[in-house]
Structure formats: C-alpha cells, structure tokens
C-alpha cells in the first residue's frame, strides 16, 4: 500500500527495527487506521501461533523433513533441522491465523456476566456515578486525545494508545474526550478516562490484568466481552481483556457506541452497531 508501512509491521511488532525506523513506524501508526488494523491482525496471528501446542516429530520423519527443506543435501543434525522445520511451521501458522482472523474476526462474543461485579468493575461504576455536569475531579482536563495518551502513559505506565488521534469526520460534534485521572483498585493502578457520545457521559477504566485479583474475560477466537446492567443506576457495564490490559466501560446507553472511542474503521463500527445489549 502506497505510503503505508506494511512491510515494516512484522519487524516493528518483534522489536527488530532500528530506533529511528521504529519511531517513524510508530508515528505513522498514530495517524493511520489501516496500518493499525493490519498490525492488530499480525499481533493476533503471532499470539495465536504462540498458543499452538508443540509435539516432537517421530524419528522417522527427520529424513523427509531434511529432504523437503534442502533437496540433495545430507542431514547435518537434528537441532538444525528442527529449527528450520519449526520456523517453517511457525510462519505457516502465523499466515493461516492472520488469514483466518481477517476473514472471521467479526463474531463478537457478547454475553451476560455470570457472577457479581468485580472490584475493578465496582470502581469503574463508582467513577462514572461521580461524574456530573461540571465534570470536576479530573487530574487532566482535556479534549486533546494526543495529550491524554501522553499523560496516561507518563503518569501511570499504562497505555491509552488504543484511542486513535485521527478521527473519522462523523465523530465531529458527536464524540468528545473530557479528561482522565488515576485510581487504585487493590494493588492495581487504574487509568479512568471520561468522554461523551452525543453529550452522554461514558467512562472507560483500564488496568494491567496481572495486577487485578479478578481477571476479566479474554477471547482468543473472538472479542470476549461480558456485560451487566447496574439496576441501581441503569448503567450498562462492559468488561473485557486484550493482551495484558483489562478494560471496563460504563455508560447509560443501551448500545455499544461508547466503543467508537477506540474503533474508528467502518468495518469495526458496523460490528459495534450490530451488537445488542439487553435491558434490566
């Protein structure tokens, strides 16, 4: 793709680029939704390949593997052939996983929570309930997403880089970031981000999964999101885990448009619009 960084994305994901080139790729990703989506697919394929179980090949397979990899040459030792064979299998697994993900990533595993709210969810509900018309209490008060991302990273070591800086035109006048602050949930540092969709408040909280006593649902073959309805306030609470981070989104909306904050491509937004939340 002309002007994109597709050829560098795998090396970027594996931290194999020079610092200068990695910085250029990172800068491009901040403004390019297409390359971010492609990097997400590569990351998914690699993580899927890492979870594939490994089993030793029978001794009788080594000659045929060697012949297939280097026709006409002698086997120079099992370790070398194993490394080559594993590299070939891993590449095939990554390619197959990425192809599968591109074609079938649309299913969304959205389900009612089967247990009571976690400590992390209760903290997010409380943070949302304390929001008011004046939007006081933010440590950082800003509508600048770039500034918000920098503040979250510098103040907590967490990341808000999933929030794209460049927004689609339809977000203008409909989606606005308000501010951010830090909170403690047990031993976990939590970043609380406030924003609005059509002037309705939405609150997003994030923390490291390993720092939480109760882990959120994580999905391998789909995005695994649990939701519950807080009957006291009428809030919808969505909880999920991605990579090393846990997320809780709280709003009074009956839809998933709060997810527009992080998902800006038409394909993802069609998926969001097709998902339905139940009532009380």
Protein backbone atom coordinates (compact mmCIF):
# COMPACT_ATOMS: atom_id res chain seq x y z
CA UNK A 1 0.00 0.00 0.00
CA UNK A 2 1.49 3.24 -1.15
CA UNK A 3 2.51 5.50 1.70
CA UNK A 4 1.87 2.83 4.32
CA UNK A 5 4.30 0.84 6.45
CA UNK A 6 3.01 -2.69 5.84
CA UNK A 7 6.43 -4.15 5.08
CA UNK A 8 7.81 -2.98 8.44
CA UNK A 9 4.91 -4.06 10.65
CA UNK A 10 6.10 -7.57 11.47
CA UNK A 11 9.60 -6.34 12.35
CA UNK A 12 8.02 -3.50 14.37
CA UNK A 13 5.89 -6.00 16.30
CA UNK A 14 9.01 -8.08 17.00
CA UNK A 15 11.13 -5.05 18.03
CA UNK A 16 13.58 -5.73 15.20
CA UNK A 17 13.68 -2.24 13.66
CA UNK A 18 16.30 0.38 14.36
CA UNK A 19 15.18 3.05 16.86
CA UNK A 20 14.84 5.68 14.13
CA UNK A 21 12.81 3.44 11.83
CA UNK A 22 10.65 2.20 14.72
CA UNK A 23 9.91 5.82 15.63
CA UNK A 24 8.82 6.54 12.04
CA UNK A 25 6.55 3.49 12.02
CA UNK A 26 5.06 4.44 15.40
CA UNK A 27 4.38 7.98 14.15
CA UNK A 28 2.66 6.59 11.05
CA UNK A 29 0.54 4.21 13.12
CA UNK A 30 -0.75 7.08 15.24
CA UNK A 31 -2.37 8.64 12.20
CA UNK A 32 -3.19 5.60 10.03
CA UNK A 33 -6.15 3.40 10.98
CA UNK A 34 -5.47 0.98 8.11
CA UNK A 35 -1.94 0.16 9.30
CA UNK A 36 -3.11 -0.09 12.91
CA UNK A 37 -5.70 -2.64 11.81
CA UNK A 38 -3.05 -4.56 9.89
CA UNK A 39 -0.71 -4.54 12.90
CA UNK A 40 -3.57 -5.81 15.04
CA UNK A 41 -4.02 -8.73 12.64
CA UNK A 42 -0.30 -9.54 12.73
CA UNK A 43 -0.29 -9.38 16.52
CA UNK A 44 -3.29 -11.71 16.72
CA UNK A 45 -1.66 -14.22 14.36
CA UNK A 46 1.55 -14.25 16.39
CA UNK A 47 -0.29 -14.67 19.68
CA UNK A 48 -2.36 -17.48 18.22
CA UNK A 49 0.76 -19.23 16.91
CA UNK A 50 2.39 -18.90 20.34
CA UNK A 51 -0.51 -20.85 21.85
CA UNK A 52 -0.26 -23.77 19.42
CA UNK A 53 0.91 -26.90 21.23
CA UNK A 54 4.29 -28.32 20.20
CA UNK A 55 4.85 -32.05 19.86
CA UNK A 56 8.08 -33.86 18.91
CA UNK A 57 8.14 -35.39 15.44
CA UNK A 58 8.82 -39.15 15.18
CA UNK A 59 12.44 -40.04 14.36
CA UNK A 60 11.39 -41.44 11.01
CA UNK A 61 10.20 -38.02 9.86
CA UNK A 62 13.59 -36.28 10.07
CA UNK A 63 14.97 -37.58 6.73
CA UNK A 64 11.85 -36.50 4.85
CA UNK A 65 11.86 -33.09 6.55
CA UNK A 66 15.51 -32.62 5.67
CA UNK A 67 14.89 -33.64 2.05
CA UNK A 68 11.96 -31.25 1.76
CA UNK A 69 13.87 -28.33 3.21
CA UNK A 70 17.18 -28.91 1.38
CA UNK A 71 16.84 -31.37 -1.51
CA UNK A 72 20.08 -33.16 -2.31
CA UNK A 73 21.78 -32.35 0.99
CA UNK A 74 22.59 -34.56 3.95
CA UNK A 75 21.05 -34.07 7.36
CA UNK A 76 23.66 -32.25 9.43
CA UNK A 77 21.98 -32.79 12.76
CA UNK A 78 18.54 -32.87 14.26
CA UNK A 79 18.75 -29.48 16.07
CA UNK A 80 19.42 -27.58 12.84
CA UNK A 81 16.60 -29.36 11.01
CA UNK A 82 14.27 -28.83 13.96
CA UNK A 83 14.94 -25.10 13.96
CA UNK A 84 14.25 -24.90 10.24
CA UNK A 85 11.13 -27.03 10.49
CA UNK A 86 9.82 -25.06 13.45
CA UNK A 87 10.44 -21.76 11.66
CA UNK A 88 8.52 -23.02 8.63
CA UNK A 89 5.62 -24.28 10.73
CA UNK A 90 5.52 -21.06 12.77
CA UNK A 91 5.41 -18.93 9.63
CA UNK A 92 2.61 -21.05 8.20
CA UNK A 93 0.71 -20.83 11.48
CA UNK A 94 1.06 -17.05 11.59
CA UNK A 95 -0.05 -16.71 7.97
CA UNK A 96 -3.00 -19.05 8.47
CA UNK A 97 -4.00 -17.36 11.72
CA UNK A 98 -3.83 -13.90 10.17
CA UNK A 99 -5.87 -15.07 7.17
CA UNK A 100 -8.45 -16.63 9.48
CA UNK A 101 -8.61 -13.50 11.60
CA UNK A 102 -9.13 -11.21 8.61
CA UNK A 103 -11.98 -13.36 7.34
CA UNK A 104 -13.70 -14.35 10.60
CA UNK A 105 -12.84 -11.71 13.17
CA UNK A 106 -16.31 -10.16 13.01
CA UNK A 107 -18.02 -12.54 15.51
CA UNK A 108 -18.28 -10.83 18.88
CA UNK A 109 -18.75 -12.94 21.99
CA UNK A 110 -21.00 -10.61 23.96
CA UNK A 111 -22.61 -12.31 26.92
CA UNK A 112 -24.22 -11.57 30.25
CA UNK A 113 -21.89 -11.69 33.24
CA UNK A 114 -22.43 -14.89 35.21
CA UNK A 115 -21.04 -13.60 38.52
CA UNK A 116 -21.27 -10.47 40.62
CA UNK A 117 -19.29 -7.34 39.72
CA UNK A 118 -15.57 -7.46 40.33
CA UNK A 119 -13.63 -4.96 42.41
CA UNK A 120 -12.42 -3.38 39.15
CA UNK A 121 -15.96 -3.05 37.80
CA UNK A 122 -17.26 -1.57 41.06
CA UNK A 123 -14.51 1.07 40.93
CA UNK A 124 -15.43 1.96 37.33
CA UNK A 125 -19.13 2.21 38.22
CA UNK A 126 -18.28 4.49 41.13
CA UNK A 127 -16.09 6.67 38.92
CA UNK A 128 -18.91 7.02 36.39
CA UNK A 129 -21.51 7.76 39.08
CA UNK A 130 -19.40 10.66 40.39
CA UNK A 131 -19.37 12.41 37.05
CA UNK A 132 -21.61 15.46 36.82
CA UNK A 133 -22.42 18.38 34.54
CA UNK A 134 -19.35 20.29 35.70
CA UNK A 135 -17.03 17.30 35.06
CA UNK A 136 -14.85 18.11 38.07
CA UNK A 137 -12.37 15.75 39.64
CA UNK A 138 -10.20 15.05 36.61
CA UNK A 139 -6.46 15.23 37.16
CA UNK A 140 -6.17 16.06 33.48
CA UNK A 141 -8.97 18.08 31.90
CA UNK A 142 -8.60 17.98 28.13
CA UNK A 143 -10.34 17.21 24.85
CA UNK A 144 -6.97 16.62 23.13
CA UNK A 145 -6.53 12.86 22.64
CA UNK A 146 -2.80 13.13 21.96
CA UNK A 147 -2.31 14.97 25.24
CA UNK A 148 -4.48 12.45 27.09
CA UNK A 149 -2.49 9.50 25.73
CA UNK A 150 0.80 11.09 26.74
CA UNK A 151 -0.49 11.89 30.23
CA UNK A 152 -1.80 8.37 30.88
CA UNK A 153 1.50 6.81 29.81
CA UNK A 154 3.69 9.24 31.75
CA UNK A 155 1.64 9.25 34.96
CA UNK A 156 0.75 5.57 35.27
CA UNK A 157 2.84 3.46 32.90
CA UNK A 158 -0.44 2.26 31.37
CA UNK A 159 -1.39 2.97 27.79
CA UNK A 160 -4.21 4.81 26.05
CA UNK A 161 -2.65 4.28 22.62
CA UNK A 162 -5.70 2.26 21.56
CA UNK A 163 -7.53 5.58 21.28
CA UNK A 164 -6.83 6.91 17.75
CA UNK A 165 -5.83 10.54 17.49
CA UNK A 166 -7.08 10.95 13.94
CA UNK A 167 -10.87 10.65 13.98
CA UNK A 168 -13.35 9.98 11.17
CA UNK A 169 -15.38 13.05 10.10
CA UNK A 170 -18.60 11.65 11.58
CA UNK A 171 -17.13 11.92 15.10
CA UNK A 172 -17.09 15.72 14.93
CA UNK A 173 -19.75 17.08 17.27
CA UNK A 174 -20.67 13.58 18.49
CA UNK A 175 -17.62 12.24 20.35
CA UNK A 176 -15.58 14.31 22.79
CA UNK A 177 -12.91 13.36 25.32
CA UNK A 178 -13.33 15.15 28.66
CA UNK A 179 -10.44 14.15 30.92
CA UNK A 180 -8.59 11.48 32.85
CA UNK A 181 -7.46 10.63 36.36
CA UNK A 182 -5.76 7.78 38.20
CA UNK A 183 -7.29 5.49 40.82
CA UNK A 184 -6.25 2.50 42.90
CA UNK A 185 -8.11 -0.81 42.77
CA UNK A 186 -6.47 -3.07 45.32
CA UNK A 187 -2.84 -3.22 44.19
CA UNK A 188 -3.65 -2.08 40.66
CA UNK A 189 -3.16 1.38 39.20
CA UNK A 190 -6.16 2.26 37.08
CA UNK A 191 -6.50 4.98 34.46
CA UNK A 192 -10.04 6.39 34.28
CA UNK A 193 -10.90 8.18 31.04
CA UNK A 194 -14.05 10.26 30.65
CA UNK A 195 -15.66 11.08 27.33
CA UNK A 196 -19.05 11.78 25.77
CA UNK A 197 -21.06 10.26 22.93
CA UNK A 198 -23.80 12.63 21.77
CA UNK A 199 -23.35 14.54 25.05
CA UNK A 200 -23.96 11.37 27.11
CA UNK A 201 -21.13 10.51 29.53
CA UNK A 202 -19.14 7.32 29.03
CA UNK A 203 -16.35 6.17 31.34
CA UNK A 204 -13.51 3.82 30.41
CA UNK A 205 -11.19 2.31 33.03
CA UNK A 206 -8.06 0.30 32.25
CA UNK A 207 -5.51 -1.58 34.35
CA UNK A 208 -2.97 -4.35 33.90
CA UNK A 209 -4.64 -7.75 34.07
CA UNK A 210 -1.84 -9.21 36.19
CA UNK A 211 -2.37 -6.52 38.84
CA UNK A 212 -6.05 -7.40 39.35
CA UNK A 213 -7.29 -10.01 41.78
CA UNK A 214 -10.16 -10.96 39.43
CA UNK A 215 -9.27 -11.39 35.76
CA UNK A 216 -11.69 -10.14 33.08
CA UNK A 217 -12.82 -12.43 30.24
CA UNK A 218 -10.29 -12.82 27.45
CA UNK A 219 -11.03 -14.12 23.96
CA UNK A 220 -8.78 -15.96 21.53
CA UNK A 221 -11.11 -16.50 18.56
CA UNK A 222 -13.40 -13.52 19.16
CA UNK A 223 -13.58 -10.47 21.36
CA UNK A 224 -14.91 -11.83 24.64
CA UNK A 225 -16.99 -9.12 26.32
CA UNK A 226 -19.20 -9.62 29.36
CA UNK A 227 -21.88 -7.11 30.21
CA UNK A 228 -24.13 -6.45 33.12
CA UNK A 229 -26.81 -3.90 33.98
CA UNK A 230 -26.45 -1.93 37.19
CA UNK A 231 -30.09 -1.75 38.27
CA UNK A 232 -29.42 1.00 40.82
CA UNK A 233 -28.38 3.47 38.12
CA UNK A 234 -29.42 1.85 34.84
CA UNK A 235 -25.80 1.69 33.71
CA UNK A 236 -24.52 -0.82 31.17
CA UNK A 237 -21.11 -2.20 32.15
CA UNK A 238 -18.91 -3.94 29.59
CA UNK A 239 -15.75 -5.76 30.66
CA UNK A 240 -13.03 -7.41 28.59
CA UNK A 241 -9.34 -8.15 28.39
CA UNK A 242 -6.94 -7.60 25.50
CA UNK A 243 -3.28 -8.51 25.67
CA UNK A 244 -2.02 -7.54 29.12
CA UNK A 245 -4.75 -4.99 29.83
CA UNK A 246 -8.24 -5.13 31.33
CA UNK A 247 -11.00 -2.69 30.45
CA UNK A 248 -14.35 -1.67 31.86
CA UNK A 249 -16.70 0.70 30.01
CA UNK A 250 -19.67 2.22 31.84
CA UNK A 251 -22.50 4.27 30.35
CA UNK A 252 -26.23 4.75 30.48
CA UNK A 253 -26.56 3.96 26.78
CA UNK A 254 -28.34 0.87 25.54
CA UNK A 255 -25.89 0.40 22.69
CA UNK A 256 -22.16 -0.09 22.18
CA UNK A 257 -21.37 3.27 20.62
CA UNK A 258 -19.03 4.01 23.52
CA UNK A 259 -16.67 1.61 21.71
CA UNK A 260 -16.36 4.22 18.94
CA UNK A 261 -13.66 5.84 21.08
CA UNK A 262 -11.17 3.13 20.14
CA UNK A 263 -12.68 1.74 16.93
CA UNK A 264 -12.77 4.14 14.00
CA UNK A 265 -12.89 1.92 10.89
CA UNK A 266 -16.25 1.39 9.13
CA UNK A 267 -15.91 -2.40 9.46
CA UNK A 268 -15.48 -2.30 13.23
CA UNK A 269 -18.27 0.20 13.67
CA UNK A 270 -20.67 -1.95 11.68
CA UNK A 271 -19.82 -4.78 14.08
CA UNK A 272 -20.44 -2.48 17.05
CA UNK A 273 -23.76 -1.28 15.64
CA UNK A 274 -24.91 -4.87 15.10
CA UNK A 275 -24.39 -5.87 18.73
CA UNK A 276 -27.36 -5.58 21.08
CA UNK A 277 -27.48 -5.16 24.83
CA UNK A 278 -30.35 -6.40 26.92
CA UNK A 279 -32.19 -4.35 29.47
CA UNK A 280 -32.81 -5.00 33.14
